[in-house]
Amino acid sequence: MGCLIPTWAGTVGDCIDNGVIVKRYCERCQRRDPVDLAAMKAAHGADYWLWDRRTPCRYCGGMLPFMFSPESTTPTTPMISTNRHDVARSARIRAQQDG
């Protein structure tokens, strides 16, 4: 089974280069926020891995995954890996970035 994470939306740099729309959606308070990819790149670098990361909602504190879409007319999809290979890769990349 191959990797399920699209190469054009793996990192902040990939998303910027390919015009990917990234948002966060809170199921608890029903708010949707666009993600400022340029600011995220400035803070964390172009290789910052977005998959399987959760950040707190600024309104209610719920933990939100990033959501992505290749264009504005396409529904967003959670950036959550569903394959053991992806989870292991995500954990290695996060460890390298955070460590």
C-alpha atoms as a PDB file:
ATOM      1  CA  MET A   1       0.000   0.000   0.000  1.00  0.00           C
ATOM      2  CA  GLY A   2       1.470   3.343  -1.016  1.00  0.00           C
ATOM      3  CA  CYS A   3       1.529   6.669   0.710  1.00  0.00           C
ATOM      4  CA  LEU A   4      -1.870   8.358   0.870  1.00  0.00           C
ATOM      5  CA  ILE A   5      -0.555  11.873   1.510  1.00  0.00           C
ATOM      6  CA  PRO A   6      -0.504  13.912  -1.718  1.00  0.00           C
ATOM      7  CA  THR A   7       2.996  15.152  -2.493  1.00  0.00           C
ATOM      8  CA  TRP A   8       1.561  18.523  -3.519  1.00  0.00           C
ATOM      9  CA  ALA A   9       0.175  19.111   0.005  1.00  0.00           C
ATOM     10  CA  GLY A  10       2.646  17.510   2.413  1.00  0.00           C
ATOM     11  CA  THR A  11       4.423  20.563   3.800  1.00  0.00           C
ATOM     12  CA  VAL A  12       3.795  24.279   4.091  1.00  0.00           C
ATOM     13  CA  GLY A  13       6.104  24.861   1.123  1.00  0.00           C
ATOM     14  CA  ASP A  14       4.272  22.265  -0.976  1.00  0.00           C
ATOM     15  CA  CYS A  15       0.945  23.924  -0.204  1.00  0.00           C
ATOM     16  CA  ILE A  16       2.254  27.383  -1.107  1.00  0.00           C
ATOM     17  CA  ASP A  17       3.938  26.171  -4.319  1.00  0.00           C
ATOM     18  CA  ASN A  18       0.792  24.370  -5.471  1.00  0.00           C
ATOM     19  CA  GLY A  19      -1.836  26.911  -4.413  1.00  0.00           C
ATOM     20  CA  VAL A  20      -3.403  24.581  -1.859  1.00  0.00           C
ATOM     21  CA  ILE A  21      -5.999  26.156   0.431  1.00  0.00           C
ATOM     22  CA  VAL A  22      -5.467  25.255   4.096  1.00  0.00           C
ATOM     23  CA  LYS A  23      -8.059  25.918   6.801  1.00  0.00           C
ATOM     24  CA  ARG A  24      -8.913  24.808  10.295  1.00  0.00           C
ATOM     25  CA  TYR A  25     -12.465  23.838  11.237  1.00  0.00           C
ATOM     26  CA  CYS A  26     -13.719  23.460  14.785  1.00  0.00           C
ATOM     27  CA  GLU A  27     -16.520  20.932  15.192  1.00  0.00           C
ATOM     28  CA  ARG A  28     -17.173  22.179  18.721  1.00  0.00           C
ATOM     29  CA  CYS A  29     -17.855  25.852  17.978  1.00  0.00           C
ATOM     30  CA  GLN A  30     -18.480  25.538  14.204  1.00  0.00           C
ATOM     31  CA  ARG A  31     -15.890  28.163  13.236  1.00  0.00           C
ATOM     32  CA  ARG A  32     -13.689  27.950  10.165  1.00  0.00           C
ATOM     33  CA  ASP A  33     -10.388  29.846   9.946  1.00  0.00           C
ATOM     34  CA  PRO A  34      -8.070  30.154   6.949  1.00  0.00           C
ATOM     35  CA  VAL A  35      -4.410  29.375   7.668  1.00  0.00           C
ATOM     36  CA  ASP A  36      -1.816  32.019   6.789  1.00  0.00           C
ATOM     37  CA  LEU A  37       0.716  29.763   5.066  1.00  0.00           C
ATOM     38  CA  ALA A  38       3.214  32.587   4.497  1.00  0.00           C
ATOM     39  CA  ALA A  39       3.299  33.352   8.236  1.00  0.00           C
ATOM     40  CA  MET A  40       3.588  29.656   9.042  1.00  0.00           C
ATOM     41  CA  LYS A  41       6.494  29.341   6.582  1.00  0.00           C
ATOM     42  CA  ALA A  42       8.224  32.333   8.184  1.00  0.00           C
ATOM     43  CA  ALA A  43       7.769  30.841  11.657  1.00  0.00           C
ATOM     44  CA  HIS A  44       8.526  27.164  10.961  1.00  0.00           C
ATOM     45  CA  GLY A  45      10.121  26.913   7.501  1.00  0.00           C
ATOM     46  CA  ALA A  46       8.923  25.536   4.167  1.00  0.00           C
ATOM     47  CA  ASP A  47       9.452  21.911   5.248  1.00  0.00           C
ATOM     48  CA  TYR A  48       7.047  22.176   8.186  1.00  0.00           C
ATOM     49  CA  TRP A  49       4.838  19.068   8.070  1.00  0.00           C
ATOM     50  CA  LEU A  50       1.109  19.825   8.455  1.00  0.00           C
ATOM     51  CA  TRP A  51      -0.263  16.270   8.532  1.00  0.00           C
ATOM     52  CA  ASP A  52      -1.407  14.828  11.866  1.00  0.00           C
ATOM     53  CA  ARG A  53      -0.815  18.120  13.704  1.00  0.00           C
ATOM     54  CA  ARG A  54      -3.525  19.663  15.838  1.00  0.00           C
ATOM     55  CA  THR A  55      -3.629  23.233  17.037  1.00  0.00           C
ATOM     56  CA  PRO A  56      -6.007  24.831  19.561  1.00  0.00           C
ATOM     57  CA  CYS A  57      -9.071  26.733  18.408  1.00  0.00           C
ATOM     58  CA  ARG A  58      -8.643  30.389  19.306  1.00  0.00           C
ATOM     59  CA  TYR A  59     -12.317  30.611  20.297  1.00  0.00           C
ATOM     60  CA  CYS A  60     -13.025  27.506  22.400  1.00  0.00           C
ATOM     61  CA  GLY A  61      -9.688  25.719  22.845  1.00  0.00           C
ATOM     62  CA  GLY A  62     -10.706  22.539  21.001  1.00  0.00           C
ATOM     63  CA  MET A  63      -7.856  20.808  19.168  1.00  0.00           C
ATOM     64  CA  LEU A  64      -8.181  21.203  15.392  1.00  0.00           C
ATOM     65  CA  PRO A  65      -6.541  19.366  12.519  1.00  0.00           C
ATOM     66  CA  PHE A  66      -5.550  21.245   9.404  1.00  0.00           C
ATOM     67  CA  MET A  67      -7.893  20.824   6.419  1.00  0.00           C
ATOM     68  CA  PHE A  68      -6.817  21.169   2.794  1.00  0.00           C
ATOM     69  CA  SER A  69      -8.327  21.657  -0.637  1.00  0.00           C
ATOM     70  CA  PRO A  70      -6.631  21.927  -4.035  1.00  0.00           C
ATOM     71  CA  GLU A  71      -8.978  24.775  -5.037  1.00  0.00           C
ATOM     72  CA  SER A  72     -11.825  26.879  -3.657  1.00  0.00           C
ATOM     73  CA  THR A  73     -14.536  24.826  -5.375  1.00  0.00           C
ATOM     74  CA  THR A  74     -13.351  21.523  -3.869  1.00  0.00           C
ATOM     75  CA  PRO A  75     -14.434  20.490  -0.343  1.00  0.00           C
ATOM     76  CA  THR A  76     -11.733  20.461   2.316  1.00  0.00           C
ATOM     77  CA  THR A  77     -10.275  17.202   3.597  1.00  0.00           C
ATOM     78  CA  PRO A  78      -8.654  16.695   7.023  1.00  0.00           C
ATOM     79  CA  MET A  79      -4.872  16.393   6.965  1.00  0.00           C
ATOM     80  CA  ILE A  80      -5.004  13.188   8.972  1.00  0.00           C
ATOM     81  CA  SER A  81      -3.087  10.177   7.691  1.00  0.00           C
ATOM     82  CA  THR A  82      -4.913   6.869   7.519  1.00  0.00           C
ATOM     83  CA  ASN A  83      -2.042   4.553   6.691  1.00  0.00           C
ATOM     84  CA  ARG A  84       0.507   3.125   9.153  1.00  0.00           C
ATOM     85  CA  HIS A  85       3.340   4.179   6.861  1.00  0.00           C
ATOM     86  CA  ASP A  86       2.063   7.766   6.863  1.00  0.00           C
ATOM     87  CA  VAL A  87       1.684   7.856  10.644  1.00  0.00           C
ATOM     88  CA  ALA A  88       5.231   6.591  11.148  1.00  0.00           C
ATOM     89  CA  ARG A  89       6.591   9.082   8.609  1.00  0.00           C
ATOM     90  CA  SER A  90       4.653  11.906  10.206  1.00  0.00           C
ATOM     91  CA  ALA A  91       5.999  11.006  13.652  1.00  0.00           C
ATOM     92  CA  ARG A  92       9.590  10.941  12.342  1.00  0.00           C
ATOM     93  CA  ILE A  93       9.242  14.308  10.630  1.00  0.00           C
ATOM     94  CA  ARG A  94       7.636  15.919  13.711  1.00  0.00           C
ATOM     95  CA  ALA A  95      10.405  14.513  15.915  1.00  0.00           C
ATOM     96  CA  GLN A  96      13.047  15.986  13.618  1.00  0.00           C
ATOM     97  CA  GLN A  97      11.309  19.389  13.560  1.00  0.00           C
ATOM     98  CA  ASP A  98      10.541  19.528  17.271  1.00  0.00           C
ATOM     99  CA  GLY A  99      13.764  17.947  18.500  1.00  0.00           C
END
